[in-house]
Amino acid sequence: MLVLPFDAVLAGTSAEDFITRLLLDRYGAKGVVTGADFVFGKGRGGNVVTLADHARRLGFFTEMVAPVDDAEEVISSSRIREALQAGDCTAATHLLTRPFTVRNIVQHGDKNGRLLGFPTANLDMGQYLRPRYGIYAVTGKLPDGRILKGAANLGIRPSFDPPKELLEPHFFDFAEDLYGQEIDVAFHAFIRPEAKFDDMDALMAQIASDCDEAKRLLSDV
């Protein structure tokens, strides 16, 4: 899979250069499959008609894929983003056909979770879309293939200073060292928004309640 970063150079590439210089000369494309509303090139100057015209002249094939309709609306990346930003994991999973998943390397943190009795595996969100900040029921996939159930905080941790954005899954009945390992964290259900607590006892009680709720939500996973 090739991922082209949408930088100034790509944004300034004409539709014709996108086809000839990128798709054909650089990547050697033999065929191009797109959605019906596909546009490309500087100023959105190219579309499926442009692509088909070049294909006839330059000798590659094109195929247009019709929109997938889930009986409500056309499935689109915009709907998926909106669902995630609303914390609607059910809708996002339906549209993606899988739970939204973040993959990154577990990093060292401030050890606040360990002090509270709920150690976490801290992940930077990197370039991923940010779902709604809050507490989620999640599963984690380890490099060896094991699947763990847990509860995760995604956000800036308002009860701690300074604010720092992290994805912090706590995996149930798990005490192994994950530092430096690349893991997947899949979002299954939104539990509650982030909140600031007046003292650590209140925070610990809420985390325990969140974990109980996450276990309930993940009982069939």
N, C-alpha and C. Protein backbone atom coordinates (compact mmCIF):
# COMPACT_ATOMS: atom_id res chain seq x y z
N MET A 1 0.84 -1.19 0.00
CA MET A 1 0.00 0.00 0.00
C MET A 1 0.88 1.24 0.00
N LEU A 2 0.56 2.17 -0.85
CA LEU A 2 1.26 3.45 -0.91
C LEU A 2 0.35 4.53 -0.34
N VAL A 3 0.87 5.31 0.59
CA VAL A 3 0.13 6.43 1.15
C VAL A 3 0.83 7.71 0.74
N LEU A 4 0.13 8.56 -0.01
CA LEU A 4 0.72 9.80 -0.49
C LEU A 4 0.35 10.93 0.45
N PRO A 5 1.30 11.52 1.16
CA PRO A 5 0.97 12.63 2.06
C PRO A 5 0.47 13.83 1.26
N PHE A 6 -0.61 14.43 1.70
CA PHE A 6 -1.18 15.56 0.95
C PHE A 6 -0.45 16.83 1.36
N ASP A 7 0.73 17.01 0.79
CA ASP A 7 1.54 18.19 1.08
C ASP A 7 1.39 19.21 -0.05
N ALA A 8 2.18 20.28 0.02
CA ALA A 8 2.06 21.36 -0.96
C ALA A 8 2.39 20.88 -2.38
N VAL A 9 3.36 19.98 -2.48
CA VAL A 9 3.75 19.47 -3.80
C VAL A 9 2.60 18.68 -4.43
N LEU A 10 1.99 17.78 -3.65
CA LEU A 10 0.89 16.99 -4.19
C LEU A 10 -0.31 17.88 -4.50
N ALA A 11 -0.58 18.84 -3.60
CA ALA A 11 -1.72 19.74 -3.81
C ALA A 11 -1.55 20.56 -5.08
N GLY A 12 -0.30 20.84 -5.47
CA GLY A 12 -0.05 21.64 -6.67
C GLY A 12 0.14 20.84 -7.94
N THR A 13 -0.03 19.52 -7.85
CA THR A 13 0.14 18.66 -9.01
C THR A 13 -1.12 18.66 -9.87
N SER A 14 -0.97 18.93 -11.14
CA SER A 14 -2.14 18.95 -12.03
C SER A 14 -2.70 17.54 -12.20
N ALA A 15 -3.94 17.47 -12.66
CA ALA A 15 -4.57 16.17 -12.87
C ALA A 15 -3.77 15.33 -13.88
N GLU A 16 -3.30 15.96 -14.96
CA GLU A 16 -2.55 15.22 -15.97
C GLU A 16 -1.23 14.71 -15.41
N ASP A 17 -0.51 15.53 -14.65
CA ASP A 17 0.75 15.09 -14.05
C ASP A 17 0.52 14.01 -13.01
N PHE A 18 -0.60 14.08 -12.30
CA PHE A 18 -0.92 13.05 -11.31
C PHE A 18 -1.02 11.69 -11.99
N ILE A 19 -1.61 11.67 -13.17
CA ILE A 19 -1.76 10.41 -13.91
C ILE A 19 -0.43 9.98 -14.53
N THR A 20 0.17 10.88 -15.29
CA THR A 20 1.34 10.47 -16.08
C THR A 20 2.61 10.33 -15.23
N ARG A 21 2.87 11.31 -14.40
CA ARG A 21 4.14 11.30 -13.65
C ARG A 21 4.08 10.42 -12.40
N LEU A 22 2.94 10.45 -11.69
CA LEU A 22 2.84 9.67 -10.45
C LEU A 22 2.35 8.25 -10.72
N LEU A 23 1.11 8.12 -11.21
CA LEU A 23 0.52 6.79 -11.35
C LEU A 23 1.26 5.93 -12.36
N LEU A 24 1.61 6.50 -13.50
CA LEU A 24 2.22 5.69 -14.56
C LEU A 24 3.74 5.63 -14.47
N ASP A 25 4.42 6.79 -14.52
CA ASP A 25 5.88 6.79 -14.55
C ASP A 25 6.50 6.32 -13.24
N ARG A 26 6.02 6.88 -12.12
CA ARG A 26 6.66 6.56 -10.84
C ARG A 26 6.22 5.20 -10.30
N TYR A 27 4.92 4.90 -10.38
CA TYR A 27 4.42 3.68 -9.73
C TYR A 27 4.07 2.57 -10.71
N GLY A 28 4.10 2.85 -12.00
CA GLY A 28 3.86 1.80 -12.97
C GLY A 28 2.48 1.21 -12.93
N ALA A 29 1.48 2.02 -12.65
CA ALA A 29 0.11 1.52 -12.52
C ALA A 29 -0.38 0.95 -13.85
N LYS A 30 -1.01 -0.22 -13.77
CA LYS A 30 -1.62 -0.84 -14.94
C LYS A 30 -3.13 -0.59 -14.98
N GLY A 31 -3.69 -0.29 -13.82
CA GLY A 31 -5.12 -0.03 -13.74
C GLY A 31 -5.42 0.82 -12.52
N VAL A 32 -6.54 1.52 -12.56
CA VAL A 32 -6.94 2.41 -11.46
C VAL A 32 -8.41 2.15 -11.15
N VAL A 33 -8.70 1.85 -9.89
CA VAL A 33 -10.07 1.64 -9.43
C VAL A 33 -10.43 2.78 -8.48
N THR A 34 -11.53 3.45 -8.74
CA THR A 34 -11.92 4.60 -7.92
C THR A 34 -13.41 4.53 -7.58
N GLY A 35 -13.80 5.41 -6.67
CA GLY A 35 -15.21 5.61 -6.40
C GLY A 35 -15.80 6.53 -7.47
N ALA A 36 -17.14 6.59 -7.48
CA ALA A 36 -17.82 7.36 -8.52
C ALA A 36 -17.58 8.86 -8.39
N ASP A 37 -17.30 9.32 -7.17
CA ASP A 37 -17.13 10.76 -6.94
C ASP A 37 -15.66 11.16 -6.82
N PHE A 38 -14.76 10.30 -7.30
CA PHE A 38 -13.32 10.55 -7.18
C PHE A 38 -12.91 11.79 -7.96
N VAL A 39 -12.19 12.69 -7.29
CA VAL A 39 -11.59 13.85 -7.94
C VAL A 39 -10.12 13.93 -7.55
N PHE A 40 -9.31 14.55 -8.39
CA PHE A 40 -7.87 14.58 -8.12
C PHE A 40 -7.25 15.75 -8.88
N GLY A 41 -6.01 16.05 -8.51
CA GLY A 41 -5.28 17.11 -9.19
C GLY A 41 -5.55 18.48 -8.60
N LYS A 42 -4.68 19.41 -8.95
CA LYS A 42 -4.78 20.78 -8.45
C LYS A 42 -6.17 21.36 -8.74
N GLY A 43 -6.76 21.93 -7.69
CA GLY A 43 -8.09 22.52 -7.83
C GLY A 43 -9.17 21.50 -8.16
N ARG A 44 -8.92 20.22 -7.82
CA ARG A 44 -9.88 19.14 -8.12
C ARG A 44 -10.18 19.11 -9.62
N GLY A 45 -9.11 19.30 -10.41
CA GLY A 45 -9.28 19.44 -11.84
C GLY A 45 -9.55 18.15 -12.59
N GLY A 46 -9.37 17.00 -11.96
CA GLY A 46 -9.62 15.73 -12.63
C GLY A 46 -10.73 14.95 -11.96
N ASN A 47 -11.43 14.12 -12.73
CA ASN A 47 -12.47 13.27 -12.18
C ASN A 47 -12.46 11.94 -12.93
N VAL A 48 -13.49 11.13 -12.77
CA VAL A 48 -13.49 9.81 -13.40
C VAL A 48 -13.53 9.90 -14.92
N VAL A 49 -14.12 10.96 -15.45
CA VAL A 49 -14.14 11.14 -16.91
C VAL A 49 -12.74 11.45 -17.41
N THR A 50 -12.04 12.33 -16.70
CA THR A 50 -10.65 12.65 -17.05
C THR A 50 -9.79 11.40 -17.03
N LEU A 51 -9.98 10.61 -15.99
CA LEU A 51 -9.19 9.38 -15.82
C LEU A 51 -9.47 8.40 -16.95
N ALA A 52 -10.74 8.22 -17.30
CA ALA A 52 -11.10 7.29 -18.37
C ALA A 52 -10.55 7.75 -19.71
N ASP A 53 -10.56 9.06 -19.94
CA ASP A 53 -10.02 9.60 -21.20
C ASP A 53 -8.53 9.31 -21.31
N HIS A 54 -7.79 9.52 -20.24
CA HIS A 54 -6.36 9.24 -20.26
C HIS A 54 -6.10 7.74 -20.39
N ALA A 55 -6.95 6.94 -19.78
CA ALA A 55 -6.77 5.49 -19.86
C ALA A 55 -6.87 5.00 -21.29
N ARG A 56 -7.82 5.53 -22.04
CA ARG A 56 -7.97 5.12 -23.44
C ARG A 56 -6.75 5.51 -24.27
N ARG A 57 -6.21 6.70 -23.99
CA ARG A 57 -5.09 7.19 -24.79
C ARG A 57 -3.76 6.57 -24.39
N LEU A 58 -3.61 6.26 -23.10
CA LEU A 58 -2.30 5.83 -22.59
C LEU A 58 -2.21 4.33 -22.31
N GLY A 59 -3.33 3.63 -22.44
CA GLY A 59 -3.25 2.17 -22.40
C GLY A 59 -3.31 1.53 -21.02
N PHE A 60 -3.97 2.15 -20.06
CA PHE A 60 -4.22 1.47 -18.78
C PHE A 60 -5.74 1.38 -18.60
N PHE A 61 -6.18 0.53 -17.66
CA PHE A 61 -7.62 0.37 -17.50
C PHE A 61 -8.11 1.13 -16.27
N THR A 62 -9.36 1.50 -16.29
CA THR A 62 -9.99 2.14 -15.12
C THR A 62 -11.29 1.41 -14.81
N GLU A 63 -11.64 1.44 -13.54
CA GLU A 63 -12.91 0.86 -13.12
C GLU A 63 -13.51 1.77 -12.05
N MET A 64 -14.78 2.05 -12.18
CA MET A 64 -15.48 2.88 -11.21
C MET A 64 -16.36 2.00 -10.34
N VAL A 65 -16.22 2.13 -9.03
CA VAL A 65 -17.00 1.33 -8.08
C VAL A 65 -18.16 2.17 -7.57
N ALA A 66 -19.35 1.60 -7.64
CA ALA A 66 -20.54 2.33 -7.18
C ALA A 66 -20.51 2.47 -5.66
N PRO A 67 -21.16 3.49 -5.11
CA PRO A 67 -21.21 3.67 -3.66
C PRO A 67 -21.85 2.48 -2.97
N VAL A 68 -21.38 2.18 -1.77
CA VAL A 68 -21.99 1.15 -0.93
C VAL A 68 -23.07 1.81 -0.09
N ASP A 69 -24.28 1.29 -0.16
CA ASP A 69 -25.41 1.89 0.54
C ASP A 69 -25.84 0.95 1.65
N ASP A 70 -25.92 1.47 2.89
CA ASP A 70 -26.33 0.62 4.01
C ASP A 70 -27.81 0.79 4.33
N ALA A 71 -28.59 1.20 3.34
CA ALA A 71 -30.04 1.40 3.44
C ALA A 71 -30.40 2.70 4.14
N GLU A 72 -29.42 3.44 4.59
CA GLU A 72 -29.68 4.74 5.19
C GLU A 72 -29.05 5.84 4.34
N GLU A 73 -27.72 5.78 4.24
CA GLU A 73 -26.97 6.75 3.44
C GLU A 73 -25.78 6.05 2.82
N VAL A 74 -25.18 6.69 1.86
CA VAL A 74 -23.96 6.15 1.26
C VAL A 74 -22.86 6.10 2.32
N ILE A 75 -22.16 4.98 2.39
CA ILE A 75 -21.05 4.86 3.34
C ILE A 75 -19.90 5.74 2.86
N SER A 76 -19.37 6.57 3.75
CA SER A 76 -18.30 7.49 3.37
C SER A 76 -17.37 7.71 4.55
N SER A 77 -16.18 8.20 4.23
CA SER A 77 -15.22 8.51 5.30
C SER A 77 -15.75 9.62 6.20
N SER A 78 -16.54 10.54 5.64
CA SER A 78 -17.11 11.62 6.45
C SER A 78 -18.03 11.08 7.53
N ARG A 79 -18.87 10.11 7.17
CA ARG A 79 -19.77 9.51 8.16
C ARG A 79 -18.99 8.77 9.23
N ILE A 80 -17.90 8.11 8.84
CA ILE A 80 -17.09 7.38 9.81
C ILE A 80 -16.44 8.37 10.78
N ARG A 81 -15.87 9.44 10.25
CA ARG A 81 -15.24 10.44 11.11
C ARG A 81 -16.25 11.05 12.08
N GLU A 82 -17.42 11.38 11.56
CA GLU A 82 -18.46 11.98 12.40
C GLU A 82 -18.88 11.03 13.52
N ALA A 83 -19.00 9.74 13.20
CA ALA A 83 -19.38 8.76 14.22
C ALA A 83 -18.32 8.68 15.31
N LEU A 84 -17.05 8.63 14.91
CA LEU A 84 -15.97 8.54 15.89
C LEU A 84 -15.89 9.80 16.75
N GLN A 85 -16.06 10.95 16.13
CA GLN A 85 -15.98 12.20 16.88
C GLN A 85 -17.16 12.38 17.82
N ALA A 86 -18.23 11.63 17.58
CA ALA A 86 -19.38 11.64 18.48
C ALA A 86 -19.29 10.53 19.52
N GLY A 87 -18.27 9.69 19.43
CA GLY A 87 -18.14 8.57 20.36
C GLY A 87 -19.06 7.41 20.02
N ASP A 88 -19.59 7.38 18.81
CA ASP A 88 -20.53 6.33 18.40
C ASP A 88 -19.76 5.16 17.79
N CYS A 89 -19.24 4.30 18.66
CA CYS A 89 -18.43 3.17 18.20
C CYS A 89 -19.26 2.17 17.40
N THR A 90 -20.52 2.02 17.75
CA THR A 90 -21.38 1.07 17.04
C THR A 90 -21.52 1.47 15.58
N ALA A 91 -21.81 2.74 15.34
CA ALA A 91 -21.95 3.22 13.96
C ALA A 91 -20.63 3.12 13.21
N ALA A 92 -19.53 3.52 13.86
CA ALA A 92 -18.23 3.47 13.20
C ALA A 92 -17.85 2.04 12.84
N THR A 93 -18.11 1.11 13.75
CA THR A 93 -17.79 -0.30 13.49
C THR A 93 -18.63 -0.83 12.34
N HIS A 94 -19.89 -0.46 12.30
CA HIS A 94 -20.77 -0.89 11.20
C HIS A 94 -20.26 -0.39 9.86
N LEU A 95 -19.85 0.87 9.81
CA LEU A 95 -19.40 1.46 8.55
C LEU A 95 -18.04 0.93 8.13
N LEU A 96 -17.16 0.70 9.09
CA LEU A 96 -15.82 0.19 8.79
C LEU A 96 -15.79 -1.32 8.59
N THR A 97 -16.81 -2.01 9.10
CA THR A 97 -16.91 -3.48 9.19
C THR A 97 -15.91 -4.05 10.20
N ARG A 98 -15.37 -3.20 11.04
CA ARG A 98 -14.45 -3.60 12.12
C ARG A 98 -14.35 -2.44 13.09
N PRO A 99 -13.93 -2.67 14.34
CA PRO A 99 -13.75 -1.55 15.26
C PRO A 99 -12.60 -0.63 14.80
N PHE A 100 -12.76 0.66 15.02
CA PHE A 100 -11.67 1.61 14.78
C PHE A 100 -10.50 1.21 15.68
N THR A 101 -9.30 1.15 15.10
CA THR A 101 -8.14 0.62 15.81
C THR A 101 -6.94 1.54 15.66
N VAL A 102 -6.25 1.74 16.78
CA VAL A 102 -5.01 2.53 16.80
C VAL A 102 -3.85 1.57 17.04
N ARG A 103 -2.81 1.68 16.22
CA ARG A 103 -1.61 0.86 16.37
C ARG A 103 -0.42 1.77 16.64
N ASN A 104 0.28 1.52 17.75
CA ASN A 104 1.47 2.31 18.04
C ASN A 104 2.32 1.57 19.07
N ILE A 105 3.46 2.16 19.38
CA ILE A 105 4.41 1.56 20.32
C ILE A 105 4.13 2.05 21.73
N VAL A 106 4.11 1.13 22.68
CA VAL A 106 3.87 1.48 24.08
C VAL A 106 5.06 2.26 24.62
N GLN A 107 4.77 3.44 25.18
CA GLN A 107 5.83 4.31 25.69
C GLN A 107 5.74 4.46 27.20
N HIS A 108 6.84 4.91 27.79
CA HIS A 108 6.84 5.18 29.22
C HIS A 108 6.03 6.44 29.51
N GLY A 109 5.28 6.41 30.59
CA GLY A 109 4.47 7.56 30.98
C GLY A 109 4.84 8.05 32.37
N ASP A 110 3.87 8.69 33.03
CA ASP A 110 4.12 9.24 34.36
C ASP A 110 3.85 8.24 35.47
N LYS A 111 3.43 7.02 35.10
CA LYS A 111 3.14 5.95 36.07
C LYS A 111 1.95 6.28 36.98
N ASN A 112 1.10 7.23 36.57
CA ASN A 112 -0.06 7.57 37.41
C ASN A 112 -1.02 6.39 37.54
N GLY A 113 -1.23 5.68 36.44
CA GLY A 113 -2.13 4.53 36.49
C GLY A 113 -1.64 3.47 37.44
N ARG A 114 -0.34 3.23 37.44
CA ARG A 114 0.21 2.23 38.35
C ARG A 114 0.01 2.64 39.81
N LEU A 115 0.21 3.93 40.09
CA LEU A 115 0.01 4.42 41.46
C LEU A 115 -1.43 4.28 41.91
N LEU A 116 -2.36 4.38 40.95
CA LEU A 116 -3.78 4.26 41.27
C LEU A 116 -4.25 2.81 41.33
N GLY A 117 -3.37 1.89 40.97
CA GLY A 117 -3.76 0.49 40.96
C GLY A 117 -4.32 0.01 39.63
N PHE A 118 -4.22 0.86 38.59
CA PHE A 118 -4.71 0.51 37.26
C PHE A 118 -3.63 0.85 36.23
N PRO A 119 -2.58 0.03 36.14
CA PRO A 119 -1.48 0.33 35.20
C PRO A 119 -1.99 0.38 33.77
N THR A 120 -1.42 1.29 32.99
CA THR A 120 -1.85 1.48 31.61
C THR A 120 -0.68 1.33 30.64
N ALA A 121 -1.03 1.02 29.40
CA ALA A 121 -0.06 1.01 28.30
C ALA A 121 -0.28 2.31 27.52
N ASN A 122 0.68 3.21 27.57
CA ASN A 122 0.49 4.55 27.00
C ASN A 122 0.89 4.59 25.53
N LEU A 123 -0.04 5.11 24.70
CA LEU A 123 0.22 5.22 23.26
C LEU A 123 -0.04 6.64 22.80
N ASP A 124 0.86 7.13 21.96
CA ASP A 124 0.66 8.42 21.30
C ASP A 124 -0.32 8.21 20.13
N MET A 125 -1.22 9.17 19.92
CA MET A 125 -2.21 9.05 18.85
C MET A 125 -1.64 9.35 17.47
N GLY A 126 -0.46 9.95 17.41
CA GLY A 126 0.16 10.19 16.12
C GLY A 126 -0.75 10.91 15.14
N GLN A 127 -0.86 10.37 13.93
CA GLN A 127 -1.66 10.98 12.87
C GLN A 127 -3.10 10.46 12.83
N TYR A 128 -3.48 9.63 13.80
CA TYR A 128 -4.83 9.07 13.77
C TYR A 128 -5.88 10.16 14.04
N LEU A 129 -7.05 9.97 13.46
CA LEU A 129 -8.20 10.80 13.81
C LEU A 129 -8.47 10.65 15.30
N ARG A 130 -8.84 11.75 15.95
CA ARG A 130 -9.16 11.69 17.38
C ARG A 130 -10.64 11.40 17.57
N PRO A 131 -11.00 10.22 18.07
CA PRO A 131 -12.39 10.02 18.48
C PRO A 131 -12.71 10.93 19.66
N ARG A 132 -13.95 10.97 20.04
CA ARG A 132 -14.37 11.80 21.18
C ARG A 132 -13.55 11.44 22.41
N TYR A 133 -13.02 12.45 23.09
CA TYR A 133 -12.27 12.20 24.32
C TYR A 133 -13.18 11.56 25.36
N GLY A 134 -12.63 10.57 26.06
CA GLY A 134 -13.41 9.92 27.11
C GLY A 134 -12.89 8.53 27.40
N ILE A 135 -13.74 7.75 28.06
CA ILE A 135 -13.40 6.40 28.48
C ILE A 135 -14.09 5.40 27.55
N TYR A 136 -13.34 4.40 27.12
CA TYR A 136 -13.85 3.41 26.16
C TYR A 136 -13.62 1.99 26.66
N ALA A 137 -14.51 1.09 26.25
CA ALA A 137 -14.26 -0.34 26.36
C ALA A 137 -13.44 -0.73 25.14
N VAL A 138 -12.29 -1.36 25.36
CA VAL A 138 -11.37 -1.65 24.26
C VAL A 138 -10.87 -3.09 24.33
N THR A 139 -10.30 -3.52 23.24
CA THR A 139 -9.49 -4.74 23.24
C THR A 139 -8.11 -4.38 22.72
N GLY A 140 -7.12 -5.11 23.19
CA GLY A 140 -5.76 -4.91 22.73
C GLY A 140 -5.23 -6.18 22.09
N LYS A 141 -4.50 -6.03 21.01
CA LYS A 141 -3.87 -7.18 20.36
C LYS A 141 -2.36 -7.05 20.50
N LEU A 142 -1.73 -8.04 21.11
CA LEU A 142 -0.29 -8.02 21.35
C LEU A 142 0.45 -8.58 20.15
N PRO A 143 1.76 -8.32 20.06
CA PRO A 143 2.55 -8.83 18.92
C PRO A 143 2.46 -10.34 18.76
N ASP A 144 2.23 -11.08 19.85
CA ASP A 144 2.15 -12.55 19.75
C ASP A 144 0.74 -13.03 19.40
N GLY A 145 -0.17 -12.09 19.17
CA GLY A 145 -1.52 -12.46 18.75
C GLY A 145 -2.54 -12.53 19.85
N ARG A 146 -2.11 -12.46 21.10
CA ARG A 146 -3.07 -12.50 22.20
C ARG A 146 -4.00 -11.29 22.19
N ILE A 147 -5.27 -11.51 22.55
CA ILE A 147 -6.25 -10.44 22.64
C ILE A 147 -6.59 -10.20 24.10
N LEU A 148 -6.49 -8.95 24.53
CA LEU A 148 -6.79 -8.57 25.90
C LEU A 148 -7.99 -7.64 25.94
N LYS A 149 -8.79 -7.74 26.98
CA LYS A 149 -9.90 -6.82 27.18
C LYS A 149 -9.49 -5.74 28.17
N GLY A 150 -10.06 -4.55 28.00
CA GLY A 150 -9.67 -3.47 28.91
C GLY A 150 -10.56 -2.25 28.80
N ALA A 151 -10.19 -1.25 29.57
CA ALA A 151 -10.83 0.07 29.52
C ALA A 151 -9.73 1.08 29.24
N ALA A 152 -10.02 2.08 28.42
CA ALA A 152 -8.99 3.04 28.03
C ALA A 152 -9.48 4.46 28.19
N ASN A 153 -8.56 5.33 28.60
CA ASN A 153 -8.82 6.76 28.60
C ASN A 153 -8.15 7.36 27.37
N LEU A 154 -8.92 8.10 26.59
CA LEU A 154 -8.37 8.87 25.49
C LEU A 154 -8.63 10.34 25.78
N GLY A 155 -7.55 11.12 25.88
CA GLY A 155 -7.73 12.54 26.14
C GLY A 155 -6.51 13.17 26.77
N ILE A 156 -6.75 14.23 27.51
CA ILE A 156 -5.65 15.02 28.07
C ILE A 156 -5.49 14.82 29.57
N ARG A 157 -6.23 13.87 30.17
CA ARG A 157 -6.10 13.55 31.59
C ARG A 157 -6.28 14.79 32.46
N PRO A 158 -7.48 15.36 32.54
CA PRO A 158 -7.70 16.63 33.23
C PRO A 158 -7.41 16.60 34.73
N SER A 159 -7.32 15.41 35.33
CA SER A 159 -7.02 15.33 36.77
C SER A 159 -5.53 15.44 37.06
N PHE A 160 -4.71 15.50 36.00
CA PHE A 160 -3.26 15.57 36.19
C PHE A 160 -2.68 16.77 35.45
N ASP A 161 -1.60 17.32 35.99
CA ASP A 161 -0.89 18.42 35.36
C ASP A 161 0.51 17.95 34.95
N PRO A 162 1.03 18.43 33.82
CA PRO A 162 0.33 19.25 32.82
C PRO A 162 -0.55 18.38 31.93
N PRO A 163 -1.53 18.97 31.25
CA PRO A 163 -2.35 18.19 30.33
C PRO A 163 -1.48 17.57 29.24
N LYS A 164 -1.75 16.31 28.91
CA LYS A 164 -0.98 15.62 27.88
C LYS A 164 -1.88 14.61 27.21
N GLU A 165 -2.02 14.72 25.89
CA GLU A 165 -2.89 13.79 25.17
C GLU A 165 -2.25 12.41 25.08
N LEU A 166 -3.01 11.39 25.47
CA LEU A 166 -2.56 10.01 25.38
C LEU A 166 -3.76 9.08 25.22
N LEU A 167 -3.51 7.93 24.64
CA LEU A 167 -4.44 6.80 24.70
C LEU A 167 -3.87 5.85 25.73
N GLU A 168 -4.63 5.60 26.81
CA GLU A 168 -4.12 4.84 27.95
C GLU A 168 -5.03 3.64 28.25
N PRO A 169 -4.81 2.52 27.60
CA PRO A 169 -5.60 1.33 27.92
C PRO A 169 -5.08 0.61 29.16
N HIS A 170 -6.02 0.23 30.02
CA HIS A 170 -5.71 -0.66 31.14
C HIS A 170 -6.31 -2.02 30.81
N PHE A 171 -5.46 -3.04 30.74
CA PHE A 171 -5.92 -4.38 30.38
C PHE A 171 -6.19 -5.20 31.63
N PHE A 172 -7.32 -5.87 31.65
CA PHE A 172 -7.76 -6.62 32.82
C PHE A 172 -6.90 -7.87 33.04
N ASP A 173 -6.55 -8.11 34.30
CA ASP A 173 -5.82 -9.32 34.68
C ASP A 173 -4.56 -9.52 33.85
N PHE A 174 -3.82 -8.43 33.69
CA PHE A 174 -2.60 -8.48 32.87
C PHE A 174 -1.53 -7.65 33.55
N ALA A 175 -0.34 -8.21 33.72
CA ALA A 175 0.72 -7.51 34.45
C ALA A 175 2.08 -7.61 33.76
N GLU A 176 2.11 -7.91 32.46
CA GLU A 176 3.38 -8.05 31.76
C GLU A 176 3.89 -6.69 31.27
N ASP A 177 5.19 -6.64 31.00
CA ASP A 177 5.84 -5.42 30.50
C ASP A 177 5.60 -5.30 29.00
N LEU A 178 4.98 -4.19 28.59
CA LEU A 178 4.71 -3.96 27.17
C LEU A 178 5.54 -2.83 26.58
N TYR A 179 6.41 -2.21 27.37
CA TYR A 179 7.18 -1.07 26.88
C TYR A 179 7.97 -1.42 25.62
N GLY A 180 7.88 -0.55 24.60
CA GLY A 180 8.61 -0.75 23.37
C GLY A 180 7.95 -1.69 22.39
N GLN A 181 6.82 -2.29 22.77
CA GLN A 181 6.13 -3.21 21.87
C GLN A 181 5.02 -2.47 21.11
N GLU A 182 4.79 -2.90 19.88
CA GLU A 182 3.73 -2.32 19.07
C GLU A 182 2.45 -3.11 19.29
N ILE A 183 1.40 -2.44 19.72
CA ILE A 183 0.13 -3.11 19.98
C ILE A 183 -1.00 -2.39 19.25
N ASP A 184 -2.11 -3.12 19.07
CA ASP A 184 -3.32 -2.56 18.50
C ASP A 184 -4.34 -2.35 19.62
N VAL A 185 -5.01 -1.20 19.60
CA VAL A 185 -6.09 -0.94 20.55
C VAL A 185 -7.35 -0.65 19.76
N ALA A 186 -8.36 -1.51 19.91
CA ALA A 186 -9.61 -1.39 19.16
C ALA A 186 -10.70 -0.82 20.06
N PHE A 187 -11.42 0.18 19.54
CA PHE A 187 -12.47 0.87 20.29
C PHE A 187 -13.81 0.17 20.07
N HIS A 188 -14.40 -0.36 21.16
CA HIS A 188 -15.66 -1.10 21.04
C HIS A 188 -16.88 -0.32 21.53
N ALA A 189 -16.73 0.49 22.58
CA ALA A 189 -17.89 1.22 23.10
C ALA A 189 -17.42 2.42 23.92
N PHE A 190 -18.16 3.52 23.79
CA PHE A 190 -17.89 4.72 24.57
C PHE A 190 -18.61 4.59 25.91
N ILE A 191 -17.89 4.87 27.00
CA ILE A 191 -18.48 4.74 28.33
C ILE A 191 -18.90 6.09 28.91
N ARG A 192 -18.00 7.07 28.87
CA ARG A 192 -18.32 8.40 29.42
C ARG A 192 -17.29 9.41 28.94
N PRO A 193 -17.62 10.70 29.01
CA PRO A 193 -16.62 11.73 28.68
C PRO A 193 -15.54 11.81 29.74
N GLU A 194 -14.43 12.45 29.39
CA GLU A 194 -13.40 12.75 30.39
C GLU A 194 -13.96 13.68 31.45
N ALA A 195 -13.44 13.57 32.65
CA ALA A 195 -13.89 14.43 33.74
C ALA A 195 -12.73 14.67 34.70
N LYS A 196 -12.77 15.80 35.40
CA LYS A 196 -11.76 16.12 36.39
C LYS A 196 -12.31 15.82 37.77
N PHE A 197 -11.52 15.12 38.59
CA PHE A 197 -11.96 14.72 39.92
C PHE A 197 -11.20 15.50 40.97
N ASP A 198 -11.89 15.76 42.09
CA ASP A 198 -11.31 16.58 43.16
C ASP A 198 -10.21 15.88 43.93
N ASP A 199 -10.28 14.56 44.03
CA ASP A 199 -9.26 13.83 44.77
C ASP A 199 -9.06 12.46 44.14
N MET A 200 -7.97 11.79 44.52
CA MET A 200 -7.60 10.52 43.93
C MET A 200 -8.57 9.40 44.32
N ASP A 201 -9.16 9.49 45.52
CA ASP A 201 -10.12 8.46 45.92
C ASP A 201 -11.32 8.44 44.98
N ALA A 202 -11.82 9.62 44.64
CA ALA A 202 -12.96 9.72 43.73
C ALA A 202 -12.57 9.20 42.35
N LEU A 203 -11.36 9.52 41.91
CA LEU A 203 -10.89 9.06 40.62
C LEU A 203 -10.76 7.54 40.59
N MET A 204 -10.19 6.97 41.65
CA MET A 204 -10.02 5.52 41.71
C MET A 204 -11.37 4.80 41.70
N ALA A 205 -12.34 5.36 42.44
CA ALA A 205 -13.67 4.76 42.47
C ALA A 205 -14.31 4.79 41.09
N GLN A 206 -14.13 5.90 40.37
CA GLN A 206 -14.70 6.02 39.04
C GLN A 206 -14.03 5.06 38.06
N ILE A 207 -12.70 4.93 38.16
CA ILE A 207 -11.98 4.00 37.27
C ILE A 207 -12.46 2.58 37.50
N ALA A 208 -12.65 2.21 38.76
CA ALA A 208 -13.15 0.86 39.06
C ALA A 208 -14.53 0.65 38.45
N SER A 209 -15.37 1.67 38.53
CA SER A 209 -16.70 1.59 37.93
C SER A 209 -16.61 1.49 36.40
N ASP A 210 -15.70 2.26 35.81
CA ASP A 210 -15.51 2.22 34.36
C ASP A 210 -15.06 0.82 33.92
N CYS A 211 -14.17 0.22 34.69
CA CYS A 211 -13.68 -1.12 34.33
C CYS A 211 -14.80 -2.14 34.41
N ASP A 212 -15.65 -2.02 35.43
CA ASP A 212 -16.79 -2.94 35.53
C ASP A 212 -17.71 -2.79 34.32
N GLU A 213 -17.96 -1.55 33.91
CA GLU A 213 -18.81 -1.30 32.75
C GLU A 213 -18.17 -1.83 31.47
N ALA A 214 -16.85 -1.64 31.35
CA ALA A 214 -16.15 -2.14 30.16
C ALA A 214 -16.23 -3.67 30.10
N LYS A 215 -16.09 -4.34 31.24
CA LYS A 215 -16.20 -5.80 31.27
C LYS A 215 -17.60 -6.24 30.82
N ARG A 216 -18.61 -5.50 31.24
CA ARG A 216 -19.98 -5.83 30.84
C ARG A 216 -20.15 -5.66 29.33
N LEU A 217 -19.63 -4.54 28.81
CA LEU A 217 -19.79 -4.25 27.39
C LEU A 217 -19.01 -5.22 26.51
N LEU A 218 -17.93 -5.77 27.06
CA LEU A 218 -17.08 -6.67 26.28
C LEU A 218 -17.37 -8.15 26.54
N SER A 219 -18.45 -8.42 27.26
CA SER A 219 -18.73 -9.80 27.66
C SER A 219 -18.92 -10.73 26.47
N ASP A 220 -19.40 -10.20 25.35
CA ASP A 220 -19.63 -11.03 24.17
C ASP A 220 -18.53 -10.94 23.13
N VAL A 221 -17.46 -10.20 23.45
CA VAL A 221 -16.36 -10.02 22.48
C VAL A 221 -15.37 -11.17 22.59
